[in-house]
Protein backbone atom coordinates (compact mmCIF):
# COMPACT_ATOMS: atom_id res chain seq x y z
CA MET A 1 111.99 137.25 98.01
CA LYS A 2 115.38 136.24 96.77
CA VAL A 3 118.16 134.08 97.93
CA THR A 4 121.50 133.55 96.20
CA LEU A 5 123.68 130.38 96.75
CA GLU A 6 127.49 130.24 96.19
CA ARG A 7 129.82 127.35 96.70
CA LEU A 8 132.46 127.62 99.35
CA ASP A 9 134.65 124.55 98.67
CA ASP A 10 135.15 121.69 95.99
CA ALA A 11 132.53 119.79 97.68
CA PHE A 12 129.26 120.35 98.90
CA HIS A 13 129.70 123.44 101.51
CA MET A 14 127.20 126.37 100.17
CA GLN A 15 126.69 129.82 101.63
CA ALA A 16 122.97 131.12 100.87
CA SER A 17 122.46 134.77 101.05
CA ASN A 18 119.30 136.84 101.32
CA GLU A 19 118.68 140.38 99.66
CA ASP A 20 119.75 141.85 103.35
CA GLY A 21 123.14 140.27 103.09
CA LEU A 22 122.39 137.75 105.88
CA THR A 23 123.77 134.58 105.50
CA VAL A 24 123.49 130.72 106.10
CA HIS A 25 125.65 127.69 105.34
CA THR A 26 124.75 124.43 104.29
CA ASP A 27 126.93 121.07 103.59
CA GLY A 28 126.35 117.44 102.69
CA SER A 29 126.75 114.61 104.79
CA PRO A 30 130.73 112.87 105.01
CA GLU A 31 129.12 109.73 103.54
CA ILE A 32 129.02 111.80 100.00
CA GLY A 33 132.01 113.86 100.20
CA GLY A 34 130.50 116.49 102.60
CA HIS A 35 132.72 118.10 105.36
CA ASN A 36 129.84 118.20 107.89
CA LEU A 37 130.54 122.13 108.07
CA ALA A 38 126.84 123.08 108.31
CA MET A 39 123.36 121.52 108.64
CA ARG A 40 122.26 119.52 105.73
CA PRO A 41 119.56 120.96 103.35
CA MET A 42 116.52 118.71 105.19
CA GLN A 43 117.62 119.67 108.56
CA MET A 44 117.28 123.40 107.42
CA VAL A 45 113.57 122.40 106.53
CA LEU A 46 113.09 121.00 110.05
CA ALA A 47 114.76 124.23 111.36
CA ALA A 48 112.52 126.28 109.04
CA LEU A 49 109.16 124.86 110.33
CA GLY A 50 110.44 125.26 113.97
CA SER A 51 111.40 128.82 113.19
CA CYS A 52 108.33 129.65 111.47
CA SER A 53 106.01 128.23 113.86
CA SER A 54 108.20 129.83 116.84
CA ILE A 55 107.67 133.31 115.60
CA ASP A 56 103.77 132.53 115.40
CA ILE A 57 103.94 131.46 118.86
CA ILE A 58 105.93 134.30 120.53
CA TYR A 59 103.75 136.55 118.74
CA LEU A 60 100.48 135.37 119.53
CA LEU A 61 101.58 134.69 123.61
CA ASN A 62 103.10 138.39 123.56
CA LYS A 63 99.98 139.74 122.16
CA GLN A 64 97.88 138.09 125.00
CA ARG A 65 100.33 139.41 127.45
CA GLN A 66 101.76 135.82 128.36
CA PRO A 67 104.93 135.89 130.18
CA LEU A 68 106.83 133.64 127.74
CA ARG A 69 110.27 133.54 129.27
CA ASP A 70 111.86 131.15 126.70
CA ILE A 71 110.76 128.77 123.89
CA LYS A 72 113.09 125.79 122.75
CA ILE A 73 111.60 123.42 119.84
CA GLU A 74 112.68 119.89 119.20
CA LEU A 75 111.74 118.73 116.02
CA ASN A 76 111.92 115.12 114.74
CA GLY A 77 111.74 114.34 110.98
CA GLU A 78 111.34 110.58 109.60
CA ARG A 79 112.25 110.12 106.16
CA VAL A 80 111.32 107.43 103.57
CA ASP A 81 114.06 104.89 102.54
CA THR A 82 114.22 105.47 98.81
CA VAL A 83 115.37 108.24 96.75
CA PRO A 84 114.09 111.19 97.19
CA LYS A 85 114.17 110.74 100.88
CA VAL A 86 111.80 113.28 101.61
CA PHE A 87 110.03 113.48 104.99
CA LYS A 88 106.99 111.24 105.70
CA ALA A 89 106.30 112.18 109.16
CA ILE A 90 107.68 115.25 111.50
CA HIS A 91 106.93 115.50 115.01
CA VAL A 92 107.19 119.23 116.79
CA HIS A 93 107.40 119.37 120.68
CA TYR A 94 107.48 123.10 122.07
CA LYS A 95 108.86 123.49 125.42
CA LEU A 96 107.29 126.88 126.54
CA PHE A 97 109.14 128.31 129.66
CA GLY A 98 107.04 130.88 132.03
CA GLY A 99 103.87 131.06 134.12
CA LEU A 100 101.54 130.50 131.07
CA ASP A 101 97.95 129.97 130.84
CA GLU A 102 97.36 126.21 129.52
CA LYS A 103 94.56 127.06 127.21
CA LYS A 104 96.39 130.04 125.81
CA ALA A 105 99.73 128.24 125.49
CA GLU A 106 97.93 125.21 123.60
CA ARG A 107 95.77 127.73 121.37
CA ALA A 108 98.94 129.43 120.32
CA CYS A 109 100.60 125.87 119.35
CA ARG A 110 97.31 124.96 117.38
CA LEU A 111 96.87 128.18 115.59
CA SER A 112 100.48 128.18 114.38
CA MET A 113 100.91 124.65 113.54
CA GLU A 114 96.83 124.67 111.74
CA LYS A 115 96.54 128.07 110.34
CA LEU A 116 99.32 130.32 110.53
CA CYS A 117 102.93 128.55 109.71
CA SER A 118 103.79 129.13 106.21
CA VAL A 119 106.25 126.00 106.30
CA SER A 120 103.76 123.59 108.09
CA MET A 121 101.33 124.68 105.66
CA MET A 122 103.55 123.86 102.77
CA LEU A 123 104.72 120.42 104.34
CA GLU A 124 101.37 119.35 105.68
CA LYS A 125 100.20 118.47 101.99
CA SER A 126 102.84 115.67 101.94
CA VAL A 127 104.11 115.19 105.33
CA ASP A 128 102.04 113.93 108.54
CA ILE A 129 103.07 116.83 110.92
CA THR A 130 102.08 115.93 114.76
CA TRP A 131 103.06 118.43 117.47
CA SER A 132 102.92 118.61 121.21
CA TYR A 133 103.91 121.04 123.84
CA GLU A 134 104.69 121.33 127.79
CA ILE A 135 105.05 124.19 129.94
CA LEU A 136 108.01 124.42 132.14
CA VAL A 137 108.09 127.05 134.96
């Protein structure tokens, strides 16, 4: 796996490209001279966690023939006050839409967060990660 970053302006706006040519932008906050043109790196960490976990959950529920109509994930990260401002806690809240079996939905979320999600497994060594879910019809 390889990702390449290139600078897009004279400040902090960057473009990351993968081997398939897909891209994502990042930027710094205005407080440090960024232009707020894209997500900041620590926001991308939250997005990576939610994205990774969503793949697990969608896959598991599809495999169990559960009628998942949609999924939305809210992630809240709490950072320490000193530099480096790493996350000390992250809460992940899943909103699952469809007529899902409660036990299967809970199990899919649990498996993702506790065994399958690579990002979660990497972060859990230094961050307190909690999660919750709700089923919305």
